[in-house]
Amino acid sequence: MAPTNSRLDNTGQEPVEAHRRYQTNDELKDAVTAAFADITPQQLRKMSQRTWRRIQLCIHNDGAHTYPLD
């Protein structure tokens, strides 16, 4: 089944399926497993750094939304 919509990931490299309907739970499970296998250590570090930054911003802003400050 072809994706209904695709885009480039944030590095501009591999195409990423934005929307897809899976026929079975096993197809969905396989797609999730494959997507997790493609995550690089660099992506994990960046996500971790951003998460801690948002936690700190939230603390400094008494729990207020942080998206304008990111």
C-alpha atoms as a PDB file:
ATOM      1  CA  MET A   1       0.000   0.000   0.000  1.00  0.00           C
ATOM      2  CA  ALA A   2       1.439   3.382  -1.003  1.00  0.00           C
ATOM      3  CA  PRO A   3       1.605   6.197   1.543  1.00  0.00           C
ATOM      4  CA  THR A   4      -1.078   8.838   1.246  1.00  0.00           C
ATOM      5  CA  ASN A   5       1.326  11.613   2.143  1.00  0.00           C
ATOM      6  CA  SER A   6       5.109  11.711   2.478  1.00  0.00           C
ATOM      7  CA  ARG A   7       7.630  14.356   3.461  1.00  0.00           C
ATOM      8  CA  LEU A   8      11.333  14.647   4.197  1.00  0.00           C
ATOM      9  CA  ASP A   9      12.553  14.210   7.732  1.00  0.00           C
ATOM     10  CA  ASN A  10      14.198  17.062   9.641  1.00  0.00           C
ATOM     11  CA  THR A  11      17.593  16.294   8.093  1.00  0.00           C
ATOM     12  CA  GLY A  12      16.198  16.491   4.554  1.00  0.00           C
ATOM     13  CA  GLN A  13      17.303  12.950   3.775  1.00  0.00           C
ATOM     14  CA  GLU A  14      15.134   9.846   3.871  1.00  0.00           C
ATOM     15  CA  PRO A  15      11.456  10.168   2.980  1.00  0.00           C
ATOM     16  CA  VAL A  16       9.177   9.581   5.942  1.00  0.00           C
ATOM     17  CA  GLU A  17       5.609   8.366   5.667  1.00  0.00           C
ATOM     18  CA  ALA A  18       3.387  10.936   7.328  1.00  0.00           C
ATOM     19  CA  HIS A  19       0.118   8.990   7.077  1.00  0.00           C
ATOM     20  CA  ARG A  20      -0.513   5.353   6.469  1.00  0.00           C
ATOM     21  CA  ARG A  21      -3.325   2.983   7.238  1.00  0.00           C
ATOM     22  CA  TYR A  22      -2.220  -0.468   8.300  1.00  0.00           C
ATOM     23  CA  GLN A  23      -4.351  -3.494   7.556  1.00  0.00           C
ATOM     24  CA  THR A  24      -3.261  -5.492  10.603  1.00  0.00           C
ATOM     25  CA  ASN A  25      -1.764  -4.903  14.013  1.00  0.00           C
ATOM     26  CA  ASP A  26       1.294  -6.873  12.898  1.00  0.00           C
ATOM     27  CA  GLU A  27       1.881  -4.414  10.025  1.00  0.00           C
ATOM     28  CA  LEU A  28       1.665  -1.528  12.474  1.00  0.00           C
ATOM     29  CA  LYS A  29       3.986  -3.284  14.932  1.00  0.00           C
ATOM     30  CA  ASP A  30       6.548  -3.931  12.184  1.00  0.00           C
ATOM     31  CA  ALA A  31       6.393  -0.297  11.037  1.00  0.00           C
ATOM     32  CA  VAL A  32       6.919   1.005  14.582  1.00  0.00           C
ATOM     33  CA  THR A  33       9.817  -1.414  15.147  1.00  0.00           C
ATOM     34  CA  ALA A  34      11.454  -0.304  11.884  1.00  0.00           C
ATOM     35  CA  ALA A  35      10.979   3.377  12.734  1.00  0.00           C
ATOM     36  CA  PHE A  36      12.622   2.928  16.140  1.00  0.00           C
ATOM     37  CA  ALA A  37      15.540   1.080  14.529  1.00  0.00           C
ATOM     38  CA  ASP A  38      16.209   4.154  12.359  1.00  0.00           C
ATOM     39  CA  ILE A  39      16.646   6.535  15.311  1.00  0.00           C
ATOM     40  CA  THR A  40      20.296   7.570  15.624  1.00  0.00           C
ATOM     41  CA  PRO A  41      22.244   8.264  18.832  1.00  0.00           C
ATOM     42  CA  GLN A  42      22.574  11.889  17.682  1.00  0.00           C
ATOM     43  CA  GLN A  43      18.779  12.202  17.436  1.00  0.00           C
ATOM     44  CA  LEU A  44      18.395  10.743  20.936  1.00  0.00           C
ATOM     45  CA  ARG A  45      20.942  13.192  22.377  1.00  0.00           C
ATOM     46  CA  LYS A  46      19.221  16.146  20.715  1.00  0.00           C
ATOM     47  CA  MET A  47      15.821  15.043  22.005  1.00  0.00           C
ATOM     48  CA  SER A  48      17.193  14.566  25.505  1.00  0.00           C
ATOM     49  CA  GLN A  49      18.797  18.016  25.517  1.00  0.00           C
ATOM     50  CA  ARG A  50      15.599  19.642  24.275  1.00  0.00           C
ATOM     51  CA  THR A  51      13.512  17.799  26.859  1.00  0.00           C
ATOM     52  CA  TRP A  52      15.710  18.974  29.736  1.00  0.00           C
ATOM     53  CA  ARG A  53      15.675  22.531  28.352  1.00  0.00           C
ATOM     54  CA  ARG A  54      11.876  22.495  28.283  1.00  0.00           C
ATOM     55  CA  ILE A  55      11.754  21.120  31.835  1.00  0.00           C
ATOM     56  CA  GLN A  56      14.023  23.938  33.010  1.00  0.00           C
ATOM     57  CA  LEU A  57      11.938  26.538  31.155  1.00  0.00           C
ATOM     58  CA  CYS A  58       8.779  25.130  32.713  1.00  0.00           C
ATOM     59  CA  ILE A  59      10.299  25.331  36.207  1.00  0.00           C
ATOM     60  CA  HIS A  60      11.520  28.899  35.647  1.00  0.00           C
ATOM     61  CA  ASN A  61       8.095  29.924  34.354  1.00  0.00           C
ATOM     62  CA  ASP A  62       6.060  28.389  37.186  1.00  0.00           C
ATOM     63  CA  GLY A  63       4.662  25.636  34.972  1.00  0.00           C
ATOM     64  CA  ALA A  64       3.567  27.946  32.154  1.00  0.00           C
ATOM     65  CA  HIS A  65       3.701  26.869  28.534  1.00  0.00           C
ATOM     66  CA  THR A  66       7.238  26.964  27.122  1.00  0.00           C
ATOM     67  CA  TYR A  67       6.709  26.873  23.349  1.00  0.00           C
ATOM     68  CA  PRO A  68       7.202  30.654  22.870  1.00  0.00           C
ATOM     69  CA  LEU A  69      10.512  30.359  24.730  1.00  0.00           C
ATOM     70  CA  ASP A  70      11.996  27.355  22.942  1.00  0.00           C
END
